[in-house]
Amino acid sequence: MKKISTTWDFAKFYKGDDDPAIEENRKAVEQKSYAFINKWKDRKDYLKEPAVLLKALDEYEEWKRNYGTDGNAGYYLWLRTQVDRNNPELKAKFNKIHEFSRKIENDIQFFHLRIAKIPKASQPAFLKYKGLWKYRHFLERIFAEAKYMLSEKEEKVLNLKATTSYENWVRMTSDFLAKEEARVLLEDGRTGMKTLSEISSLTCSNNKKVRDVAAKAFNAIMDKHADVAEVELNSILANKKVDDELRRVSRPDLLRHISDDIESEVVDSLVKSVSGRFHISTQYYELKAKLLGVKMLR
């Protein structure tokens, strides 16, 4: 079997992690972001006149599409950290632009929040306005989320605590796992040290012995970090519970459903239909084990 080697090519973005163009992009993002923020933050007319909101949304869409809160520089550094998770210098660069992005996110969120607060009696006029048709669904989602949004100051607090209450926990466990290696059986019969992601790939090998050795190593690594992962998950769930209580959300998956444009009743129906037919899976694996000539699938 021919071995395929995959490498990431970042040349389309920047020449390297110290490319001066990264800082130039950051400055461009900052300039464009605050040009929009300073133009609209003290205005109220776009909340009353559909034609003015159209102009504001066109500018917002252009900013979002071409710059966003961290631009190409943020995307590039995020991709780099996914390839080299344990590089401290790279982490520092990413954390710096992440803080930069979070500040812009807090400063520009007024636009989204104020549109959400457009009185219900006025919302139909905006949704029916011909010029806003291309933004109709975007507005419908904002209006649907409105009742769960807090004040601008409160939303800023939630944004600021997201790093310590969610992101750092996820990053911690991921970084621990990224450092793990184990000696496993390779496709050519030799043994070698492989990273967790490489071990995971070997669990899909056509060679059963390779699969079994890889699975054993994979499970050993998972077991090693199980206690840490437990604390991580409990902390993330506790943070979610606090946010939901502050927003007065009736169920933990409701905001996800709104974001995914699906009604909770549809999700509940799907879950009920699938869980009520688990016996089909049982029968399938019993048959598969029989065809493979084993008493039980490992």
C-alpha atoms as a PDB file:
ATOM      1  CA  MET A   1       0.000   0.000   0.000  1.00  0.00           C
ATOM      2  CA  LYS A   2       1.366   3.384  -0.987  1.00  0.00           C
ATOM      3  CA  LYS A   3       1.855   5.668   1.999  1.00  0.00           C
ATOM      4  CA  ILE A   4       0.422   9.134   1.552  1.00  0.00           C
ATOM      5  CA  SER A   5       2.144  11.967   3.397  1.00  0.00           C
ATOM      6  CA  THR A   6       0.099  15.038   4.240  1.00  0.00           C
ATOM      7  CA  THR A   7       1.636  18.408   4.993  1.00  0.00           C
ATOM      8  CA  TRP A   8      -0.031  21.763   5.530  1.00  0.00           C
ATOM      9  CA  ASP A   9       0.919  24.555   3.150  1.00  0.00           C
ATOM     10  CA  PHE A  10       0.562  27.980   4.780  1.00  0.00           C
ATOM     11  CA  ALA A  11       2.363  29.871   2.025  1.00  0.00           C
ATOM     12  CA  LYS A  12      -0.934  31.267   0.732  1.00  0.00           C
ATOM     13  CA  PHE A  13      -1.292  33.112   4.023  1.00  0.00           C
ATOM     14  CA  TYR A  14       2.144  34.249   5.174  1.00  0.00           C
ATOM     15  CA  LYS A  15       5.828  33.475   4.673  1.00  0.00           C
ATOM     16  CA  GLY A  16       6.215  32.488   8.311  1.00  0.00           C
ATOM     17  CA  ASP A  17       5.164  33.197  11.878  1.00  0.00           C
ATOM     18  CA  ASP A  18       7.249  36.401  11.937  1.00  0.00           C
ATOM     19  CA  ASP A  19       6.069  37.728   8.570  1.00  0.00           C
ATOM     20  CA  PRO A  20       5.543  41.536   8.937  1.00  0.00           C
ATOM     21  CA  ALA A  21       2.343  41.105   6.905  1.00  0.00           C
ATOM     22  CA  ILE A  22       0.721  39.530   9.986  1.00  0.00           C
ATOM     23  CA  GLU A  23       1.029  42.789  11.905  1.00  0.00           C
ATOM     24  CA  GLU A  24      -0.107  44.747   8.858  1.00  0.00           C
ATOM     25  CA  ASN A  25      -3.253  42.617   8.669  1.00  0.00           C
ATOM     26  CA  ARG A  26      -3.921  43.142  12.379  1.00  0.00           C
ATOM     27  CA  LYS A  27      -3.705  46.902  11.925  1.00  0.00           C
ATOM     28  CA  ALA A  28      -6.041  46.740   8.924  1.00  0.00           C
ATOM     29  CA  VAL A  29      -8.568  44.734  10.947  1.00  0.00           C
ATOM     30  CA  GLU A  30      -8.369  47.244  13.777  1.00  0.00           C
ATOM     31  CA  GLN A  31      -8.814  50.211  11.441  1.00  0.00           C
ATOM     32  CA  LYS A  32     -11.785  48.718   9.588  1.00  0.00           C
ATOM     33  CA  SER A  33     -13.438  47.475  12.775  1.00  0.00           C
ATOM     34  CA  TYR A  34     -13.348  50.794  14.578  1.00  0.00           C
ATOM     35  CA  ALA A  35     -14.350  52.679  11.468  1.00  0.00           C
ATOM     36  CA  PHE A  36     -17.630  50.732  11.619  1.00  0.00           C
ATOM     37  CA  ILE A  37     -17.922  50.892  15.416  1.00  0.00           C
ATOM     38  CA  ASN A  38     -17.343  54.637  15.615  1.00  0.00           C
ATOM     39  CA  LYS A  39     -19.764  55.318  12.771  1.00  0.00           C
ATOM     40  CA  TRP A  40     -22.720  53.401  14.212  1.00  0.00           C
ATOM     41  CA  LYS A  41     -22.303  53.109  17.984  1.00  0.00           C
ATOM     42  CA  ASP A  42     -24.036  56.412  18.798  1.00  0.00           C
ATOM     43  CA  ARG A  43     -26.689  56.241  16.080  1.00  0.00           C
ATOM     44  CA  LYS A  44     -30.280  55.088  16.548  1.00  0.00           C
ATOM     45  CA  ASP A  45     -31.732  55.734  13.098  1.00  0.00           C
ATOM     46  CA  TYR A  46     -30.905  52.254  11.787  1.00  0.00           C
ATOM     47  CA  LEU A  47     -33.164  50.851  14.515  1.00  0.00           C
ATOM     48  CA  LYS A  48     -36.130  52.838  13.202  1.00  0.00           C
ATOM     49  CA  GLU A  49     -35.672  53.090   9.431  1.00  0.00           C
ATOM     50  CA  PRO A  50     -35.290  49.927   7.287  1.00  0.00           C
ATOM     51  CA  ALA A  51     -33.391  51.811   4.581  1.00  0.00           C
ATOM     52  CA  VAL A  52     -30.762  52.945   7.075  1.00  0.00           C
ATOM     53  CA  LEU A  53     -30.486  49.446   8.546  1.00  0.00           C
ATOM     54  CA  LEU A  54     -29.863  48.135   5.032  1.00  0.00           C
ATOM     55  CA  LYS A  55     -26.893  50.475   4.661  1.00  0.00           C
ATOM     56  CA  ALA A  56     -25.556  49.465   8.090  1.00  0.00           C
ATOM     57  CA  LEU A  57     -25.937  45.747   7.361  1.00  0.00           C
ATOM     58  CA  ASP A  58     -24.194  46.094   4.002  1.00  0.00           C
ATOM     59  CA  GLU A  59     -21.214  47.682   5.755  1.00  0.00           C
ATOM     60  CA  TYR A  60     -21.337  45.085   8.538  1.00  0.00           C
ATOM     61  CA  GLU A  61     -21.425  42.222   6.031  1.00  0.00           C
ATOM     62  CA  GLU A  62     -18.465  43.698   4.115  1.00  0.00           C
ATOM     63  CA  TRP A  63     -16.475  44.028   7.362  1.00  0.00           C
ATOM     64  CA  LYS A  64     -17.402  40.534   8.527  1.00  0.00           C
ATOM     65  CA  ARG A  65     -16.535  38.944   5.172  1.00  0.00           C
ATOM     66  CA  ASN A  66     -13.188  40.665   4.615  1.00  0.00           C
ATOM     67  CA  TYR A  67     -11.880  41.306   8.125  1.00  0.00           C
ATOM     68  CA  GLY A  68     -13.859  40.021  11.097  1.00  0.00           C
ATOM     69  CA  THR A  69     -12.409  40.377  14.575  1.00  0.00           C
ATOM     70  CA  ASP A  70      -9.002  38.851  13.810  1.00  0.00           C
ATOM     71  CA  GLY A  71      -8.626  38.695  10.015  1.00  0.00           C
ATOM     72  CA  ASN A  72      -6.349  36.356   8.095  1.00  0.00           C
ATOM     73  CA  ALA A  73      -3.697  36.711  10.801  1.00  0.00           C
ATOM     74  CA  GLY A  74      -5.966  35.178  13.427  1.00  0.00           C
ATOM     75  CA  TYR A  75      -7.001  32.328  11.145  1.00  0.00           C
ATOM     76  CA  TYR A  76      -3.386  31.630  10.194  1.00  0.00           C
ATOM     77  CA  LEU A  77      -2.159  31.542  13.799  1.00  0.00           C
ATOM     78  CA  TRP A  78      -5.068  29.322  14.828  1.00  0.00           C
ATOM     79  CA  LEU A  79      -4.179  26.849  12.072  1.00  0.00           C
ATOM     80  CA  ARG A  80      -0.522  26.933  13.114  1.00  0.00           C
ATOM     81  CA  THR A  81      -1.408  26.115  16.727  1.00  0.00           C
ATOM     82  CA  GLN A  82      -3.420  23.110  15.537  1.00  0.00           C
ATOM     83  CA  VAL A  83      -0.320  21.721  13.820  1.00  0.00           C
ATOM     84  CA  ASP A  84       2.190  22.672  16.524  1.00  0.00           C
ATOM     85  CA  ARG A  85       0.176  22.698  19.749  1.00  0.00           C
ATOM     86  CA  ASN A  86       3.148  22.628  22.122  1.00  0.00           C
ATOM     87  CA  ASN A  87       5.134  25.574  20.740  1.00  0.00           C
ATOM     88  CA  PRO A  88       5.196  28.249  23.507  1.00  0.00           C
ATOM     89  CA  GLU A  89       6.156  31.094  21.170  1.00  0.00           C
ATOM     90  CA  LEU A  90       3.319  30.206  18.814  1.00  0.00           C
ATOM     91  CA  LYS A  91       0.896  30.013  21.724  1.00  0.00           C
ATOM     92  CA  ALA A  92       1.959  33.484  22.847  1.00  0.00           C
ATOM     93  CA  LYS A  93       1.344  34.932  19.387  1.00  0.00           C
ATOM     94  CA  PHE A  94      -2.071  33.289  19.172  1.00  0.00           C
ATOM     95  CA  ASN A  95      -3.071  34.407  22.680  1.00  0.00           C
ATOM     96  CA  LYS A  96      -2.112  37.961  21.822  1.00  0.00           C
ATOM     97  CA  ILE A  97      -4.283  38.111  18.715  1.00  0.00           C
ATOM     98  CA  HIS A  98      -7.056  36.249  20.558  1.00  0.00           C
ATOM     99  CA  GLU A  99      -7.158  39.020  23.173  1.00  0.00           C
ATOM    100  CA  PHE A 100      -7.151  41.578  20.366  1.00  0.00           C
ATOM    101  CA  SER A 101     -10.077  39.781  18.728  1.00  0.00           C
ATOM    102  CA  ARG A 102     -12.038  39.537  21.987  1.00  0.00           C
ATOM    103  CA  LYS A 103     -11.785  43.304  22.524  1.00  0.00           C
ATOM    104  CA  ILE A 104     -13.165  44.040  19.059  1.00  0.00           C
ATOM    105  CA  GLU A 105     -15.897  41.457  19.607  1.00  0.00           C
ATOM    106  CA  ASN A 106     -16.966  43.241  22.789  1.00  0.00           C
ATOM    107  CA  ASP A 107     -16.821  46.675  21.197  1.00  0.00           C
ATOM    108  CA  ILE A 108     -18.860  45.712  18.124  1.00  0.00           C
ATOM    109  CA  GLN A 109     -21.509  43.524  19.767  1.00  0.00           C
ATOM    110  CA  PHE A 110     -23.720  46.570  20.390  1.00  0.00           C
ATOM    111  CA  PHE A 111     -24.820  46.344  16.752  1.00  0.00           C
ATOM    112  CA  HIS A 112     -26.215  42.826  17.070  1.00  0.00           C
ATOM    113  CA  LEU A 113     -27.747  43.442  20.499  1.00  0.00           C
ATOM    114  CA  ARG A 114     -29.493  46.673  19.546  1.00  0.00           C
ATOM    115  CA  ILE A 115     -31.015  45.176  16.414  1.00  0.00           C
ATOM    116  CA  ALA A 116     -32.380  42.373  18.600  1.00  0.00           C
ATOM    117  CA  LYS A 117     -34.103  44.959  20.780  1.00  0.00           C
ATOM    118  CA  ILE A 118     -36.092  46.474  17.911  1.00  0.00           C
ATOM    119  CA  PRO A 119     -39.691  46.438  19.265  1.00  0.00           C
ATOM    120  CA  LYS A 120     -41.768  43.450  18.163  1.00  0.00           C
ATOM    121  CA  ALA A 121     -44.374  45.763  16.702  1.00  0.00           C
ATOM    122  CA  SER A 122     -41.749  47.237  14.376  1.00  0.00           C
ATOM    123  CA  GLN A 123     -40.048  43.981  13.359  1.00  0.00           C
ATOM    124  CA  PRO A 124     -42.522  43.053  10.556  1.00  0.00           C
ATOM    125  CA  ALA A 125     -41.803  46.340   8.770  1.00  0.00           C
ATOM    126  CA  PHE A 126     -38.092  45.475   8.665  1.00  0.00           C
ATOM    127  CA  LEU A 127     -38.711  41.880   7.571  1.00  0.00           C
ATOM    128  CA  LYS A 128     -41.032  42.974   4.776  1.00  0.00           C
ATOM    129  CA  TYR A 129     -38.798  45.762   3.486  1.00  0.00           C
ATOM    130  CA  LYS A 130     -37.700  44.707  -0.002  1.00  0.00           C
ATOM    131  CA  GLY A 131     -34.148  46.004   0.362  1.00  0.00           C
ATOM    132  CA  LEU A 132     -33.607  43.830   3.446  1.00  0.00           C
ATOM    133  CA  TRP A 133     -34.733  40.568   1.835  1.00  0.00           C
ATOM    134  CA  LYS A 134     -31.167  39.287   1.598  1.00  0.00           C
ATOM    135  CA  TYR A 135     -30.830  39.786   5.346  1.00  0.00           C
ATOM    136  CA  ARG A 136     -34.302  38.534   6.232  1.00  0.00           C
ATOM    137  CA  HIS A 137     -33.186  35.211   7.712  1.00  0.00           C
ATOM    138  CA  PHE A 138     -30.336  36.892   9.576  1.00  0.00           C
ATOM    139  CA  LEU A 139     -32.832  39.290  11.162  1.00  0.00           C
ATOM    140  CA  GLU A 140     -35.304  36.520  11.948  1.00  0.00           C
ATOM    141  CA  ARG A 141     -32.639  34.676  13.906  1.00  0.00           C
ATOM    142  CA  ILE A 142     -31.635  37.798  15.811  1.00  0.00           C
ATOM    143  CA  PHE A 143     -35.259  38.496  16.717  1.00  0.00           C
ATOM    144  CA  ALA A 144     -35.691  34.871  17.851  1.00  0.00           C
ATOM    145  CA  GLU A 145     -32.651  35.126  20.131  1.00  0.00           C
ATOM    146  CA  ALA A 146     -33.628  38.543  21.498  1.00  0.00           C
ATOM    147  CA  LYS A 147     -35.497  37.328  24.591  1.00  0.00           C
ATOM    148  CA  TYR A 148     -32.389  35.446  25.754  1.00  0.00           C
ATOM    149  CA  MET A 149     -29.926  38.304  25.291  1.00  0.00           C
ATOM    150  CA  LEU A 150     -28.714  40.324  28.262  1.00  0.00           C
ATOM    151  CA  SER A 151     -27.692  43.960  28.446  1.00  0.00           C
ATOM    152  CA  GLU A 152     -24.594  45.124  26.590  1.00  0.00           C
ATOM    153  CA  LYS A 153     -22.569  45.296  29.818  1.00  0.00           C
ATOM    154  CA  GLU A 154     -23.718  41.846  30.912  1.00  0.00           C
ATOM    155  CA  GLU A 155     -22.918  40.332  27.511  1.00  0.00           C
ATOM    156  CA  LYS A 156     -19.457  41.864  27.735  1.00  0.00           C
ATOM    157  CA  VAL A 157     -18.884  40.136  31.079  1.00  0.00           C
ATOM    158  CA  LEU A 158     -19.929  36.777  29.609  1.00  0.00           C
ATOM    159  CA  ASN A 159     -17.553  37.282  26.685  1.00  0.00           C
ATOM    160  CA  LEU A 160     -14.663  38.159  28.976  1.00  0.00           C
ATOM    161  CA  LYS A 161     -15.141  35.120  31.216  1.00  0.00           C
ATOM    162  CA  ALA A 162     -15.432  32.731  28.249  1.00  0.00           C
ATOM    163  CA  THR A 163     -11.652  32.293  28.070  1.00  0.00           C
ATOM    164  CA  THR A 164     -11.185  31.276  31.701  1.00  0.00           C
ATOM    165  CA  SER A 165     -14.459  29.363  32.050  1.00  0.00           C
ATOM    166  CA  TYR A 166     -14.456  27.483  28.747  1.00  0.00           C
ATOM    167  CA  GLU A 167     -11.629  27.959  26.268  1.00  0.00           C
ATOM    168  CA  ASN A 168      -8.705  27.412  28.652  1.00  0.00           C
ATOM    169  CA  TRP A 169     -10.248  24.187  29.950  1.00  0.00           C
ATOM    170  CA  VAL A 170     -10.658  22.775  26.448  1.00  0.00           C
ATOM    171  CA  ARG A 171      -7.194  23.883  25.418  1.00  0.00           C
ATOM    172  CA  MET A 172      -5.609  22.346  28.529  1.00  0.00           C
ATOM    173  CA  THR A 173      -6.891  18.828  27.906  1.00  0.00           C
ATOM    174  CA  SER A 174      -6.195  19.057  24.165  1.00  0.00           C
ATOM    175  CA  ASP A 175      -2.615  20.164  24.817  1.00  0.00           C
ATOM    176  CA  PHE A 176      -2.054  17.322  27.286  1.00  0.00           C
ATOM    177  CA  LEU A 177      -3.271  14.796  24.727  1.00  0.00           C
ATOM    178  CA  ALA A 178      -1.215  16.373  21.933  1.00  0.00           C
ATOM    179  CA  LYS A 179       1.981  15.682  23.921  1.00  0.00           C
ATOM    180  CA  GLU A 180       1.238  11.987  24.346  1.00  0.00           C
ATOM    181  CA  GLU A 181       3.132   9.281  22.463  1.00  0.00           C
ATOM    182  CA  ALA A 182       3.219   5.487  22.669  1.00  0.00           C
ATOM    183  CA  ARG A 183       5.089   2.637  21.038  1.00  0.00           C
ATOM    184  CA  VAL A 184       2.800   0.717  18.703  1.00  0.00           C
ATOM    185  CA  LEU A 185       2.912  -1.899  15.960  1.00  0.00           C
ATOM    186  CA  LEU A 186       3.287  -0.403  12.484  1.00  0.00           C
ATOM    187  CA  GLU A 187       1.927  -1.612   9.167  1.00  0.00           C
ATOM    188  CA  ASP A 188       5.315  -3.011   8.083  1.00  0.00           C
ATOM    189  CA  GLY A 189       5.643  -5.174  11.207  1.00  0.00           C
ATOM    190  CA  ARG A 190       8.104  -2.903  13.012  1.00  0.00           C
ATOM    191  CA  THR A 191       7.308  -0.929  16.160  1.00  0.00           C
ATOM    192  CA  GLY A 192       7.677   2.802  16.611  1.00  0.00           C
ATOM    193  CA  MET A 193       6.703   5.803  18.722  1.00  0.00           C
ATOM    194  CA  LYS A 194       3.598   7.562  17.430  1.00  0.00           C
ATOM    195  CA  THR A 195       1.524  10.536  18.520  1.00  0.00           C
ATOM    196  CA  LEU A 196      -2.078  10.173  19.638  1.00  0.00           C
ATOM    197  CA  SER A 197      -3.465  11.307  16.276  1.00  0.00           C
ATOM    198  CA  GLU A 198      -1.251   8.788  14.460  1.00  0.00           C
ATOM    199  CA  ILE A 199      -2.295   6.042  16.877  1.00  0.00           C
ATOM    200  CA  SER A 200      -5.921   6.921  16.222  1.00  0.00           C
ATOM    201  CA  SER A 201      -5.349   6.421  12.488  1.00  0.00           C
ATOM    202  CA  LEU A 202      -3.814   3.002  13.114  1.00  0.00           C
ATOM    203  CA  THR A 203      -7.001   1.828  14.839  1.00  0.00           C
ATOM    204  CA  CYS A 204      -8.505   1.751  11.321  1.00  0.00           C
ATOM    205  CA  SER A 205      -5.765  -0.470   9.894  1.00  0.00           C
ATOM    206  CA  ASN A 206      -6.703  -3.519   7.816  1.00  0.00           C
ATOM    207  CA  ASN A 207      -4.282  -5.504   9.983  1.00  0.00           C
ATOM    208  CA  LYS A 208      -6.144  -6.696  13.095  1.00  0.00           C
ATOM    209  CA  LYS A 209      -2.992  -6.949  15.201  1.00  0.00           C
ATOM    210  CA  VAL A 210      -2.049  -3.368  14.329  1.00  0.00           C
ATOM    211  CA  ARG A 211      -5.577  -2.264  15.222  1.00  0.00           C
ATOM    212  CA  ASP A 212      -5.549  -4.070  18.552  1.00  0.00           C
ATOM    213  CA  VAL A 213      -2.163  -2.713  19.651  1.00  0.00           C
ATOM    214  CA  ALA A 214      -3.154   0.808  18.598  1.00  0.00           C
ATOM    215  CA  ALA A 215      -6.485   0.554  20.433  1.00  0.00           C
ATOM    216  CA  LYS A 216      -4.746  -0.582  23.609  1.00  0.00           C
ATOM    217  CA  ALA A 217      -2.306   2.345  23.448  1.00  0.00           C
ATOM    218  CA  PHE A 218      -5.097   4.796  22.630  1.00  0.00           C
ATOM    219  CA  ASN A 219      -7.216   3.645  25.574  1.00  0.00           C
ATOM    220  CA  ALA A 220      -4.231   3.807  27.932  1.00  0.00           C
ATOM    221  CA  ILE A 221      -3.648   7.455  27.008  1.00  0.00           C
ATOM    222  CA  MET A 222      -7.337   8.287  27.419  1.00  0.00           C
ATOM    223  CA  ASP A 223      -7.400   6.569  30.811  1.00  0.00           C
ATOM    224  CA  LYS A 224      -4.339   8.530  31.919  1.00  0.00           C
ATOM    225  CA  HIS A 225      -6.152  11.833  31.375  1.00  0.00           C
ATOM    226  CA  ALA A 226      -9.663  10.714  32.355  1.00  0.00           C
ATOM    227  CA  ASP A 227      -9.621  12.544  35.704  1.00  0.00           C
ATOM    228  CA  VAL A 228      -8.509  15.792  34.067  1.00  0.00           C
ATOM    229  CA  ALA A 229     -11.142  15.442  31.343  1.00  0.00           C
ATOM    230  CA  GLU A 230     -13.795  14.854  33.995  1.00  0.00           C
ATOM    231  CA  VAL A 231     -12.964  18.122  35.751  1.00  0.00           C
ATOM    232  CA  GLU A 232     -12.853  19.903  32.379  1.00  0.00           C
ATOM    233  CA  LEU A 233     -16.302  18.669  31.354  1.00  0.00           C
ATOM    234  CA  ASN A 234     -17.855  19.442  34.734  1.00  0.00           C
ATOM    235  CA  SER A 235     -16.427  22.970  34.657  1.00  0.00           C
ATOM    236  CA  ILE A 236     -17.697  23.572  31.129  1.00  0.00           C
ATOM    237  CA  LEU A 237     -21.145  22.239  32.036  1.00  0.00           C
ATOM    238  CA  ALA A 238     -21.255  24.389  35.169  1.00  0.00           C
ATOM    239  CA  ASN A 239     -20.347  27.449  33.099  1.00  0.00           C
ATOM    240  CA  LYS A 240     -23.082  26.602  30.589  1.00  0.00           C
ATOM    241  CA  LYS A 241     -25.607  26.188  33.395  1.00  0.00           C
ATOM    242  CA  VAL A 242     -24.743  29.608  34.829  1.00  0.00           C
ATOM    243  CA  ASP A 243     -25.061  31.259  31.405  1.00  0.00           C
ATOM    244  CA  ASP A 244     -28.415  29.562  30.767  1.00  0.00           C
ATOM    245  CA  GLU A 245     -29.752  30.631  34.162  1.00  0.00           C
ATOM    246  CA  LEU A 246     -28.723  34.230  33.526  1.00  0.00           C
ATOM    247  CA  ARG A 247     -30.383  34.151  30.107  1.00  0.00           C
ATOM    248  CA  ARG A 248     -33.433  32.292  31.475  1.00  0.00           C
ATOM    249  CA  VAL A 249     -33.126  29.586  28.854  1.00  0.00           C
ATOM    250  CA  SER A 250     -35.648  26.796  29.408  1.00  0.00           C
ATOM    251  CA  ARG A 251     -33.404  23.954  28.200  1.00  0.00           C
ATOM    252  CA  PRO A 252     -29.635  23.687  27.630  1.00  0.00           C
ATOM    253  CA  ASP A 253     -29.882  22.937  23.900  1.00  0.00           C
ATOM    254  CA  LEU A 254     -32.413  25.659  23.023  1.00  0.00           C
ATOM    255  CA  LEU A 255     -29.945  28.304  21.817  1.00  0.00           C
ATOM    256  CA  ARG A 256     -28.218  25.684  19.679  1.00  0.00           C
ATOM    257  CA  HIS A 257     -31.527  24.831  18.061  1.00  0.00           C
ATOM    258  CA  ILE A 258     -32.188  28.495  17.274  1.00  0.00           C
ATOM    259  CA  SER A 259     -28.685  28.802  15.835  1.00  0.00           C
ATOM    260  CA  ASP A 260     -29.215  25.666  13.724  1.00  0.00           C
ATOM    261  CA  ASP A 261     -32.645  26.807  12.505  1.00  0.00           C
ATOM    262  CA  ILE A 262     -34.471  23.815  13.902  1.00  0.00           C
ATOM    263  CA  GLU A 263     -37.342  23.518  16.357  1.00  0.00           C
ATOM    264  CA  SER A 264     -36.772  21.703  19.632  1.00  0.00           C
ATOM    265  CA  GLU A 265     -39.846  19.540  18.979  1.00  0.00           C
ATOM    266  CA  VAL A 266     -38.210  18.187  15.817  1.00  0.00           C
ATOM    267  CA  VAL A 267     -35.034  17.289  17.720  1.00  0.00           C
ATOM    268  CA  ASP A 268     -37.034  15.599  20.474  1.00  0.00           C
ATOM    269  CA  SER A 269     -38.950  13.579  17.898  1.00  0.00           C
ATOM    270  CA  LEU A 270     -35.723  12.457  16.238  1.00  0.00           C
ATOM    271  CA  VAL A 271     -34.142  11.428  19.551  1.00  0.00           C
ATOM    272  CA  LYS A 272     -37.264   9.497  20.504  1.00  0.00           C
ATOM    273  CA  SER A 273     -37.400   7.720  17.141  1.00  0.00           C
ATOM    274  CA  VAL A 274     -33.741   6.679  17.255  1.00  0.00           C
ATOM    275  CA  SER A 275     -33.540   5.691  20.927  1.00  0.00           C
ATOM    276  CA  GLY A 276     -36.750   3.710  20.576  1.00  0.00           C
ATOM    277  CA  ARG A 277     -35.083   1.531  17.945  1.00  0.00           C
ATOM    278  CA  PHE A 278     -31.757   0.730  19.581  1.00  0.00           C
ATOM    279  CA  HIS A 279     -32.614  -2.943  19.213  1.00  0.00           C
ATOM    280  CA  ILE A 280     -31.789  -2.614  15.490  1.00  0.00           C
ATOM    281  CA  SER A 281     -28.171  -1.772  16.369  1.00  0.00           C
ATOM    282  CA  THR A 282     -28.031  -4.702  18.771  1.00  0.00           C
ATOM    283  CA  GLN A 283     -29.234  -7.086  16.081  1.00  0.00           C
ATOM    284  CA  TYR A 284     -26.777  -5.628  13.557  1.00  0.00           C
ATOM    285  CA  TYR A 285     -23.718  -6.172  15.761  1.00  0.00           C
ATOM    286  CA  GLU A 286     -24.868  -9.638  16.793  1.00  0.00           C
ATOM    287  CA  LEU A 287     -25.074 -10.552  13.111  1.00  0.00           C
ATOM    288  CA  LYS A 288     -21.711  -8.951  12.344  1.00  0.00           C
ATOM    289  CA  ALA A 289     -20.038 -10.900  15.137  1.00  0.00           C
ATOM    290  CA  LYS A 290     -21.591 -14.125  13.823  1.00  0.00           C
ATOM    291  CA  LEU A 291     -20.374 -13.434  10.274  1.00  0.00           C
ATOM    292  CA  LEU A 292     -16.865 -12.711  11.552  1.00  0.00           C
ATOM    293  CA  GLY A 293     -16.878 -15.926  13.550  1.00  0.00           C
ATOM    294  CA  VAL A 294     -16.404 -14.323  16.989  1.00  0.00           C
ATOM    295  CA  LYS A 295     -18.566 -14.485  20.110  1.00  0.00           C
ATOM    296  CA  MET A 296     -18.393 -10.754  20.722  1.00  0.00           C
ATOM    297  CA  LEU A 297     -16.989  -7.734  18.910  1.00  0.00           C
ATOM    298  CA  ARG A 298     -14.161  -6.123  20.875  1.00  0.00           C
END
